[in-house]
PDB file of all heavy atoms in Angstrom:
ATOM      1  N   GLY A   1     -38.599  17.849  82.616  1.00  0.00           N
ATOM      2  CA  GLY A   1     -39.467  18.223  83.720  1.00  0.00           C
ATOM      3  C   GLY A   1     -40.271  19.483  83.472  1.00  0.00           C
ATOM      4  O   GLY A   1     -40.257  20.050  82.373  1.00  0.00           O
ATOM      5  N   VAL A   2     -40.947  19.936  84.531  1.00  0.00           N
ATOM      6  CA  VAL A   2     -41.854  21.075  84.421  1.00  0.00           C
ATOM      7  C   VAL A   2     -41.113  22.357  84.026  1.00  0.00           C
ATOM      8  O   VAL A   2     -41.551  23.115  83.156  1.00  0.00           O
ATOM      9  CB  VAL A   2     -42.613  21.296  85.744  1.00  0.00           C
ATOM     10  CG1 VAL A   2     -43.483  22.551  85.654  1.00  0.00           C
ATOM     11  CG2 VAL A   2     -43.467  20.087  86.081  1.00  0.00           C
ATOM     12  N   GLN A   3     -39.969  22.608  84.677  1.00  0.00           N
ATOM     13  CA  GLN A   3     -39.233  23.839  84.386  1.00  0.00           C
ATOM     14  C   GLN A   3     -38.759  23.868  82.926  1.00  0.00           C
ATOM     15  O   GLN A   3     -38.819  24.895  82.259  1.00  0.00           O
ATOM     16  CB  GLN A   3     -38.039  23.968  85.332  1.00  0.00           C
ATOM     17  CG  GLN A   3     -38.431  24.295  86.774  1.00  0.00           C
ATOM     18  CD  GLN A   3     -37.227  24.526  87.654  1.00  0.00           C
ATOM     19  OE1 GLN A   3     -36.140  23.997  87.386  1.00  0.00           O
ATOM     20  NE2 GLN A   3     -37.383  25.314  88.708  1.00  0.00           N
ATOM     21  N   GLY A   4     -38.275  22.721  82.465  1.00  0.00           N
ATOM     22  CA  GLY A   4     -37.820  22.642  81.081  1.00  0.00           C
ATOM     23  C   GLY A   4     -38.959  22.880  80.108  1.00  0.00           C
ATOM     24  O   GLY A   4     -38.786  23.551  79.084  1.00  0.00           O
ATOM     25  N   LYS A   5     -40.137  22.329  80.410  1.00  0.00           N
ATOM     26  CA  LYS A   5     -41.283  22.508  79.521  1.00  0.00           C
ATOM     27  C   LYS A   5     -41.750  23.959  79.503  1.00  0.00           C
ATOM     28  O   LYS A   5     -42.137  24.485  78.465  1.00  0.00           O
ATOM     29  CB  LYS A   5     -42.421  21.588  79.952  1.00  0.00           C
ATOM     30  CG  LYS A   5     -42.126  20.111  79.727  1.00  0.00           C
ATOM     31  CD  LYS A   5     -43.259  19.220  80.224  1.00  0.00           C
ATOM     32  CE  LYS A   5     -42.917  17.747  80.013  1.00  0.00           C
ATOM     33  NZ  LYS A   5     -43.971  16.848  80.530  1.00  0.00           N
ATOM     34  N   LEU A   6     -41.705  24.596  80.673  1.00  0.00           N
ATOM     35  CA  LEU A   6     -42.087  26.017  80.734  1.00  0.00           C
ATOM     36  C   LEU A   6     -41.096  26.868  79.924  1.00  0.00           C
ATOM     37  O   LEU A   6     -41.491  27.788  79.202  1.00  0.00           O
ATOM     38  CB  LEU A   6     -42.134  26.495  82.185  1.00  0.00           C
ATOM     39  CG  LEU A   6     -43.306  25.970  83.030  1.00  0.00           C
ATOM     40  CD1 LEU A   6     -43.144  26.387  84.485  1.00  0.00           C
ATOM     41  CD2 LEU A   6     -44.617  26.488  82.469  1.00  0.00           C
ATOM     42  N   GLY A   7     -39.811  26.544  80.079  1.00  0.00           N
ATOM     43  CA  GLY A   7     -38.807  27.269  79.308  1.00  0.00           C
ATOM     44  C   GLY A   7     -38.981  27.038  77.815  1.00  0.00           C
ATOM     45  O   GLY A   7     -38.849  27.962  77.004  1.00  0.00           O
ATOM     46  N   GLY A   8     -39.295  25.785  77.447  1.00  0.00           N
ATOM     47  CA  GLY A   8     -39.528  25.475  76.039  1.00  0.00           C
ATOM     48  C   GLY A   8     -40.720  26.219  75.485  1.00  0.00           C
ATOM     49  O   GLY A   8     -40.701  26.672  74.334  1.00  0.00           O
ATOM     50  N   LEU A   9     -41.756  26.364  76.299  1.00  0.00           N
ATOM     51  CA  LEU A   9     -42.945  27.093  75.874  1.00  0.00           C
ATOM     52  C   LEU A   9     -42.624  28.553  75.612  1.00  0.00           C
ATOM     53  O   LEU A   9     -43.109  29.149  74.638  1.00  0.00           O
ATOM     54  CB  LEU A   9     -44.031  26.977  76.950  1.00  0.00           C
ATOM     55  CG  LEU A   9     -45.394  27.600  76.619  1.00  0.00           C
ATOM     56  CD1 LEU A   9     -46.003  26.902  75.407  1.00  0.00           C
ATOM     57  CD2 LEU A   9     -46.331  27.512  77.809  1.00  0.00           C
ATOM     58  N   MET A  10     -41.777  29.125  76.460  1.00  0.00           N
ATOM     59  CA  MET A  10     -41.392  30.525  76.276  1.00  0.00           C
ATOM     60  C   MET A  10     -40.522  30.697  75.025  1.00  0.00           C
ATOM     61  O   MET A  10     -40.572  31.743  74.366  1.00  0.00           O
ATOM     62  CB  MET A  10     -40.630  31.020  77.516  1.00  0.00           C
ATOM     63  CG  MET A  10     -41.481  31.061  78.780  1.00  0.00           C
ATOM     64  SD  MET A  10     -40.531  31.566  80.237  1.00  0.00           S
ATOM     65  CE  MET A  10     -40.100  33.233  79.789  1.00  0.00           C
ATOM     66  N   LEU A  11     -39.761  29.668  74.698  1.00  0.00           N
ATOM     67  CA  LEU A  11     -38.860  29.752  73.540  1.00  0.00           C
ATOM     68  C   LEU A  11     -39.503  29.238  72.260  1.00  0.00           C
ATOM     69  O   LEU A  11     -38.856  29.227  71.206  1.00  0.00           O
ATOM     70  CB  LEU A  11     -37.584  28.949  73.816  1.00  0.00           C
ATOM     71  CG  LEU A  11     -36.630  29.539  74.851  1.00  0.00           C
ATOM     72  CD1 LEU A  11     -35.504  28.553  75.144  1.00  0.00           C
ATOM     73  CD2 LEU A  11     -36.049  30.861  74.354  1.00  0.00           C
ATOM     74  N   LYS A  12     -40.753  28.832  72.325  1.00  0.00           N
ATOM     75  CA  LYS A  12     -41.417  28.261  71.158  1.00  0.00           C
ATOM     76  C   LYS A  12     -41.356  29.187  69.933  1.00  0.00           C
ATOM     77  O   LYS A  12     -41.098  28.720  68.812  1.00  0.00           O
ATOM     78  CB  LYS A  12     -42.870  27.925  71.494  1.00  0.00           C
ATOM     79  CG  LYS A  12     -43.589  27.150  70.394  1.00  0.00           C
ATOM     80  CD  LYS A  12     -44.981  26.735  70.838  1.00  0.00           C
ATOM     81  CE  LYS A  12     -45.685  25.942  69.729  1.00  0.00           C
ATOM     82  NZ  LYS A  12     -47.059  25.521  70.152  1.00  0.00           N
ATOM     83  N   PRO A  13     -41.592  30.491  70.088  1.00  0.00           N
ATOM     84  CA  PRO A  13     -41.480  31.389  68.920  1.00  0.00           C
ATOM     85  C   PRO A  13     -40.080  31.383  68.300  1.00  0.00           C
ATOM     86  O   PRO A  13     -39.934  31.487  67.079  1.00  0.00           O
ATOM     87  CB  PRO A  13     -41.833  32.763  69.493  1.00  0.00           C
ATOM     88  CG  PRO A  13     -42.655  32.478  70.700  1.00  0.00           C
ATOM     89  CD  PRO A  13     -42.064  31.234  71.277  1.00  0.00           C
ATOM     90  N   VAL A  14     -39.052  31.253  69.140  1.00  0.00           N
ATOM     91  CA  VAL A  14     -37.680  31.220  68.637  1.00  0.00           C
ATOM     92  C   VAL A  14     -37.447  29.955  67.817  1.00  0.00           C
ATOM     93  O   VAL A  14     -36.846  29.994  66.737  1.00  0.00           O
ATOM     94  CB  VAL A  14     -36.679  31.284  69.812  1.00  0.00           C
ATOM     95  CG1 VAL A  14     -35.245  31.168  69.291  1.00  0.00           C
ATOM     96  CG2 VAL A  14     -36.851  32.582  70.588  1.00  0.00           C
ATOM     97  N   PHE A  15     -37.947  28.819  68.341  1.00  0.00           N
ATOM     98  CA  PHE A  15     -37.794  27.555  67.617  1.00  0.00           C
ATOM     99  C   PHE A  15     -38.524  27.609  66.272  1.00  0.00           C
ATOM    100  O   PHE A  15     -38.067  27.031  65.287  1.00  0.00           O
ATOM    101  CB  PHE A  15     -38.326  26.394  68.453  1.00  0.00           C
ATOM    102  CG  PHE A  15     -37.566  26.163  69.722  1.00  0.00           C
ATOM    103  CD1 PHE A  15     -38.209  25.745  70.875  1.00  0.00           C
ATOM    104  CD2 PHE A  15     -36.192  26.361  69.770  1.00  0.00           C
ATOM    105  CE1 PHE A  15     -37.502  25.529  72.045  1.00  0.00           C
ATOM    106  CE2 PHE A  15     -35.474  26.141  70.940  1.00  0.00           C
ATOM    107  CZ  PHE A  15     -36.125  25.730  72.087  1.00  0.00           C
ATOM    108  N   LYS A  16     -39.631  28.303  66.249  1.00  0.00           N
ATOM    109  CA  LYS A  16     -40.392  28.441  65.008  1.00  0.00           C
ATOM    110  C   LYS A  16     -39.599  29.231  63.973  1.00  0.00           C
ATOM    111  O   LYS A  16     -39.584  28.882  62.775  1.00  0.00           O
ATOM    112  CB  LYS A  16     -41.728  29.141  65.291  1.00  0.00           C
ATOM    113  CG  LYS A  16     -42.591  29.355  64.050  1.00  0.00           C
ATOM    114  CD  LYS A  16     -43.005  28.053  63.396  1.00  0.00           C
ATOM    115  CE  LYS A  16     -43.954  28.297  62.240  1.00  0.00           C
ATOM    116  NZ  LYS A  16     -44.288  27.042  61.512  1.00  0.00           N
ATOM    117  N   VAL A  17     -38.917  30.260  64.425  1.00  0.00           N
ATOM    118  CA  VAL A  17     -38.087  31.061  63.527  1.00  0.00           C
ATOM    119  C   VAL A  17     -36.965  30.204  62.945  1.00  0.00           C
ATOM    120  O   VAL A  17     -36.674  30.247  61.739  1.00  0.00           O
ATOM    121  CB  VAL A  17     -37.492  32.281  64.274  1.00  0.00           C
ATOM    122  CG1 VAL A  17     -36.443  32.981  63.396  1.00  0.00           C
ATOM    123  CG2 VAL A  17     -38.601  33.258  64.634  1.00  0.00           C
ATOM    124  N   VAL A  18     -36.328  29.398  63.808  1.00  0.00           N
ATOM    125  CA  VAL A  18     -35.238  28.524  63.360  1.00  0.00           C
ATOM    126  C   VAL A  18     -35.761  27.495  62.358  1.00  0.00           C
ATOM    127  O   VAL A  18     -35.143  27.248  61.321  1.00  0.00           O
ATOM    128  CB  VAL A  18     -34.591  27.814  64.565  1.00  0.00           C
ATOM    129  CG1 VAL A  18     -33.561  26.789  64.085  1.00  0.00           C
ATOM    130  CG2 VAL A  18     -33.933  28.826  65.489  1.00  0.00           C
ATOM    131  N   GLN A  19     -36.911  26.908  62.662  1.00  0.00           N
ATOM    132  CA  GLN A  19     -37.499  25.909  61.767  1.00  0.00           C
ATOM    133  C   GLN A  19     -37.820  26.512  60.403  1.00  0.00           C
ATOM    134  O   GLN A  19     -37.529  25.906  59.364  1.00  0.00           O
ATOM    135  CB  GLN A  19     -38.758  25.324  62.392  1.00  0.00           C
ATOM    136  CG  GLN A  19     -39.394  24.199  61.582  1.00  0.00           C
ATOM    137  CD  GLN A  19     -40.615  23.618  62.262  1.00  0.00           C
ATOM    138  OE1 GLN A  19     -41.276  24.281  63.071  1.00  0.00           O
ATOM    139  NE2 GLN A  19     -40.929  22.377  61.962  1.00  0.00           N
ATOM    140  N   ASP A  20     -38.401  27.695  60.405  1.00  0.00           N
ATOM    141  CA  ASP A  20     -38.734  28.361  59.138  1.00  0.00           C
ATOM    142  C   ASP A  20     -37.474  28.719  58.361  1.00  0.00           C
ATOM    143  O   ASP A  20     -37.445  28.630  57.127  1.00  0.00           O
ATOM    144  CB  ASP A  20     -39.560  29.626  59.407  1.00  0.00           C
ATOM    145  CG  ASP A  20     -40.962  29.312  59.876  1.00  0.00           C
ATOM    146  OD1 ASP A  20     -41.412  28.159  59.694  1.00  0.00           O
ATOM    147  OD2 ASP A  20     -41.619  30.206  60.441  1.00  0.00           O
ATOM    148  N   LYS A  21     -36.438  29.130  59.068  1.00  0.00           N
ATOM    149  CA  LYS A  21     -35.183  29.519  58.419  1.00  0.00           C
ATOM    150  C   LYS A  21     -34.534  28.329  57.732  1.00  0.00           C
ATOM    151  O   LYS A  21     -33.973  28.456  56.631  1.00  0.00           O
ATOM    152  CB  LYS A  21     -34.233  30.100  59.469  1.00  0.00           C
ATOM    153  CG  LYS A  21     -32.943  30.684  58.907  1.00  0.00           C
ATOM    154  CD  LYS A  21     -33.180  31.977  58.170  1.00  0.00           C
ATOM    155  CE  LYS A  21     -31.881  32.644  57.768  1.00  0.00           C
ATOM    156  NZ  LYS A  21     -32.087  33.887  57.010  1.00  0.00           N
ATOM    157  N   MET A  22     -34.623  27.157  58.344  1.00  0.00           N
ATOM    158  CA  MET A  22     -33.979  25.966  57.806  1.00  0.00           C
ATOM    159  C   MET A  22     -34.832  25.233  56.779  1.00  0.00           C
ATOM    160  O   MET A  22     -34.372  24.276  56.160  1.00  0.00           O
ATOM    161  CB  MET A  22     -33.629  25.008  58.945  1.00  0.00           C
ATOM    162  CG  MET A  22     -32.536  25.527  59.870  1.00  0.00           C
ATOM    163  SD  MET A  22     -30.983  25.836  59.004  1.00  0.00           S
ATOM    164  CE  MET A  22     -30.540  24.188  58.470  1.00  0.00           C
ATOM    165  N   ASP A  23     -36.054  25.663  56.579  1.00  0.00           N
ATOM    166  CA  ASP A  23     -36.959  24.986  55.644  1.00  0.00           C
ATOM    167  C   ASP A  23     -36.686  25.479  54.224  1.00  0.00           C
ATOM    168  O   ASP A  23     -37.264  26.455  53.761  1.00  0.00           O
ATOM    169  CB  ASP A  23     -38.416  25.254  56.033  1.00  0.00           C
ATOM    170  CG  ASP A  23     -39.404  24.526  55.129  1.00  0.00           C
ATOM    171  OD1 ASP A  23     -38.959  23.622  54.384  1.00  0.00           O
ATOM    172  OD2 ASP A  23     -40.596  24.864  55.158  1.00  0.00           O
ATOM    173  N   TYR A  24     -35.789  24.770  53.514  1.00  0.00           N
ATOM    174  CA  TYR A  24     -35.419  25.201  52.166  1.00  0.00           C
ATOM    175  C   TYR A  24     -36.517  24.942  51.150  1.00  0.00           C
ATOM    176  O   TYR A  24     -36.506  25.501  50.054  1.00  0.00           O
ATOM    177  CB  TYR A  24     -34.113  24.543  51.714  1.00  0.00           C
ATOM    178  CG  TYR A  24     -34.179  23.056  51.483  1.00  0.00           C
ATOM    179  CD1 TYR A  24     -34.561  22.546  50.258  1.00  0.00           C
ATOM    180  CD2 TYR A  24     -33.837  22.160  52.488  1.00  0.00           C
ATOM    181  CE1 TYR A  24     -34.606  21.177  50.033  1.00  0.00           C
ATOM    182  CE2 TYR A  24     -33.888  20.788  52.274  1.00  0.00           C
ATOM    183  CZ  TYR A  24     -34.269  20.309  51.042  1.00  0.00           C
ATOM    184  OH  TYR A  24     -34.327  18.958  50.825  1.00  0.00           O
ATOM    185  N   SER A  25     -37.516  24.099  51.497  1.00  0.00           N
ATOM    186  CA  SER A  25     -38.583  23.783  50.537  1.00  0.00           C
ATOM    187  C   SER A  25     -39.454  24.989  50.222  1.00  0.00           C
ATOM    188  O   SER A  25     -40.108  25.037  49.182  1.00  0.00           O
ATOM    189  CB  SER A  25     -39.456  22.647  51.080  1.00  0.00           C
ATOM    190  OG  SER A  25     -40.152  23.048  52.248  1.00  0.00           O
ATOM    191  N   LYS A  26     -39.458  25.997  51.092  1.00  0.00           N
ATOM    192  CA  LYS A  26     -40.275  27.179  50.825  1.00  0.00           C
ATOM    193  C   LYS A  26     -39.727  27.987  49.657  1.00  0.00           C
ATOM    194  O   LYS A  26     -40.415  28.841  49.099  1.00  0.00           O
ATOM    195  CB  LYS A  26     -40.367  28.064  52.080  1.00  0.00           C
ATOM    196  CG  LYS A  26     -39.054  28.713  52.483  1.00  0.00           C
ATOM    197  CD  LYS A  26     -39.222  29.509  53.772  1.00  0.00           C
ATOM    198  CE  LYS A  26     -37.897  30.158  54.189  1.00  0.00           C
ATOM    199  NZ  LYS A  26     -38.052  30.920  55.456  1.00  0.00           N
ATOM    200  N   HIS A  27     -38.458  27.710  49.283  1.00  0.00           N
ATOM    201  CA  HIS A  27     -37.874  28.370  48.113  1.00  0.00           C
ATOM    202  C   HIS A  27     -38.279  27.665  46.827  1.00  0.00           C
ATOM    203  O   HIS A  27     -37.958  28.135  45.734  1.00  0.00           O
ATOM    204  CB  HIS A  27     -36.348  28.395  48.226  1.00  0.00           C
ATOM    205  CG  HIS A  27     -35.833  29.197  49.377  1.00  0.00           C
ATOM    206  ND1 HIS A  27     -35.902  30.573  49.418  1.00  0.00           N
ATOM    207  CD2 HIS A  27     -35.255  28.825  50.545  1.00  0.00           C
ATOM    208  CE1 HIS A  27     -35.377  31.013  50.547  1.00  0.00           C
ATOM    209  NE2 HIS A  27     -34.974  29.981  51.249  1.00  0.00           N
ATOM    210  N   GLY A  28     -38.962  26.531  46.935  1.00  0.00           N
ATOM    211  CA  GLY A  28     -39.381  25.773  45.765  1.00  0.00           C
ATOM    212  C   GLY A  28     -38.631  24.464  45.660  1.00  0.00           C
ATOM    213  O   GLY A  28     -37.999  24.006  46.614  1.00  0.00           O
ATOM    214  N   GLY A  29     -38.680  23.846  44.482  1.00  0.00           N
ATOM    215  CA  GLY A  29     -37.999  22.581  44.266  1.00  0.00           C
ATOM    216  C   GLY A  29     -36.628  22.789  43.655  1.00  0.00           C
ATOM    217  O   GLY A  29     -36.084  23.891  43.638  1.00  0.00           O
ATOM    218  N   ALA A  30     -36.069  21.702  43.147  1.00  0.00           N
ATOM    219  CA  ALA A  30     -34.783  21.763  42.459  1.00  0.00           C
ATOM    220  C   ALA A  30     -35.036  22.006  40.974  1.00  0.00           C
ATOM    221  O   ALA A  30     -35.838  21.312  40.349  1.00  0.00           O
ATOM    222  CB  ALA A  30     -34.007  20.461  42.664  1.00  0.00           C
ATOM    223  N   VAL A  31     -34.367  22.986  40.423  1.00  0.00           N
ATOM    224  CA  VAL A  31     -34.534  23.369  39.019  1.00  0.00           C
ATOM    225  C   VAL A  31     -33.498  22.655  38.169  1.00  0.00           C
ATOM    226  O   VAL A  31     -32.312  22.671  38.501  1.00  0.00           O
ATOM    227  CB  VAL A  31     -34.390  24.896  38.847  1.00  0.00           C
ATOM    228  CG1 VAL A  31     -34.502  25.286  37.374  1.00  0.00           C
ATOM    229  CG2 VAL A  31     -35.437  25.625  39.677  1.00  0.00           C
ATOM    230  N   LEU A  32     -33.932  22.038  37.075  1.00  0.00           N
ATOM    231  CA  LEU A  32     -32.997  21.423  36.145  1.00  0.00           C
ATOM    232  C   LEU A  32     -32.595  22.484  35.126  1.00  0.00           C
ATOM    233  O   LEU A  32     -33.263  22.679  34.110  1.00  0.00           O
ATOM    234  CB  LEU A  32     -33.627  20.210  35.461  1.00  0.00           C
ATOM    235  CG  LEU A  32     -32.684  19.382  34.584  1.00  0.00           C
ATOM    236  CD1 LEU A  32     -31.492  18.871  35.397  1.00  0.00           C
ATOM    237  CD2 LEU A  32     -33.418  18.216  33.943  1.00  0.00           C
ATOM    238  N   LEU A  33     -31.496  23.172  35.404  1.00  0.00           N
ATOM    239  CA  LEU A  33     -31.023  24.249  34.534  1.00  0.00           C
ATOM    240  C   LEU A  33     -30.247  23.681  33.352  1.00  0.00           C
ATOM    241  O   LEU A  33     -29.342  22.868  33.534  1.00  0.00           O
ATOM    242  CB  LEU A  33     -30.110  25.193  35.318  1.00  0.00           C
ATOM    243  CG  LEU A  33     -30.748  26.285  36.167  1.00  0.00           C
ATOM    244  CD1 LEU A  33     -29.656  27.150  36.778  1.00  0.00           C
ATOM    245  CD2 LEU A  33     -31.705  27.134  35.361  1.00  0.00           C
ATOM    246  N   GLY A  34     -30.620  24.104  32.152  1.00  0.00           N
ATOM    247  CA  GLY A  34     -29.896  23.694  30.972  1.00  0.00           C
ATOM    248  C   GLY A  34     -30.738  22.979  29.940  1.00  0.00           C
ATOM    249  O   GLY A  34     -30.253  22.630  28.871  1.00  0.00           O
ATOM    250  N   VAL A  35     -32.026  22.741  30.235  1.00  0.00           N
ATOM    251  CA  VAL A  35     -32.921  22.143  29.249  1.00  0.00           C
ATOM    252  C   VAL A  35     -33.780  23.237  28.631  1.00  0.00           C
ATOM    253  O   VAL A  35     -33.856  24.356  29.136  1.00  0.00           O
ATOM    254  CB  VAL A  35     -33.807  21.039  29.868  1.00  0.00           C
ATOM    255  CG1 VAL A  35     -32.962  19.850  30.277  1.00  0.00           C
ATOM    256  CG2 VAL A  35     -34.580  21.567  31.073  1.00  0.00           C
ATOM    257  N   LYS A  36     -34.455  22.899  27.527  1.00  0.00           N
ATOM    258  CA  LYS A  36     -35.123  23.898  26.705  1.00  0.00           C
ATOM    259  C   LYS A  36     -36.433  24.427  27.269  1.00  0.00           C
ATOM    260  O   LYS A  36     -37.057  25.298  26.654  1.00  0.00           O
ATOM    261  CB  LYS A  36     -35.372  23.326  25.308  1.00  0.00           C
ATOM    262  CG  LYS A  36     -34.105  23.068  24.507  1.00  0.00           C
ATOM    263  CD  LYS A  36     -34.433  22.500  23.138  1.00  0.00           C
ATOM    264  CE  LYS A  36     -33.179  22.263  22.315  1.00  0.00           C
ATOM    265  NZ  LYS A  36     -33.487  21.666  20.992  1.00  0.00           N
ATOM    266  N   ALA A  37     -36.865  23.915  28.393  1.00  0.00           N
ATOM    267  CA  ALA A  37     -38.085  24.406  29.036  1.00  0.00           C
ATOM    268  C   ALA A  37     -37.897  24.306  30.545  1.00  0.00           C
ATOM    269  O   ALA A  37     -37.066  23.517  31.022  1.00  0.00           O
ATOM    270  CB  ALA A  37     -39.300  23.594  28.583  1.00  0.00           C
ATOM    271  N   PRO A  38     -38.627  25.082  31.317  1.00  0.00           N
ATOM    272  CA  PRO A  38     -38.497  25.000  32.770  1.00  0.00           C
ATOM    273  C   PRO A  38     -38.907  23.628  33.298  1.00  0.00           C
ATOM    274  O   PRO A  38     -39.959  23.100  32.941  1.00  0.00           O
ATOM    275  CB  PRO A  38     -39.457  26.089  33.262  1.00  0.00           C
ATOM    276  CG  PRO A  38     -39.576  27.043  32.119  1.00  0.00           C
ATOM    277  CD  PRO A  38     -39.510  26.190  30.894  1.00  0.00           C
ATOM    278  N   VAL A  39     -38.059  23.052  34.141  1.00  0.00           N
ATOM    279  CA  VAL A  39     -38.330  21.757  34.773  1.00  0.00           C
ATOM    280  C   VAL A  39     -37.998  21.887  36.253  1.00  0.00           C
ATOM    281  O   VAL A  39     -36.894  22.317  36.606  1.00  0.00           O
ATOM    282  CB  VAL A  39     -37.490  20.626  34.151  1.00  0.00           C
ATOM    283  CG1 VAL A  39     -37.719  19.316  34.915  1.00  0.00           C
ATOM    284  CG2 VAL A  39     -37.820  20.447  32.679  1.00  0.00           C
TER     285      VAL A  39
END
């Protein structure tokens, strides 16, 4: 409802922080450690 949407709008910056924190792709991909060149 309306109250929930208003509350969600106020908390939108918080949700953004949580989303960014959980986004492991910003650290890059998976590194294959142990081969003779970076992969």
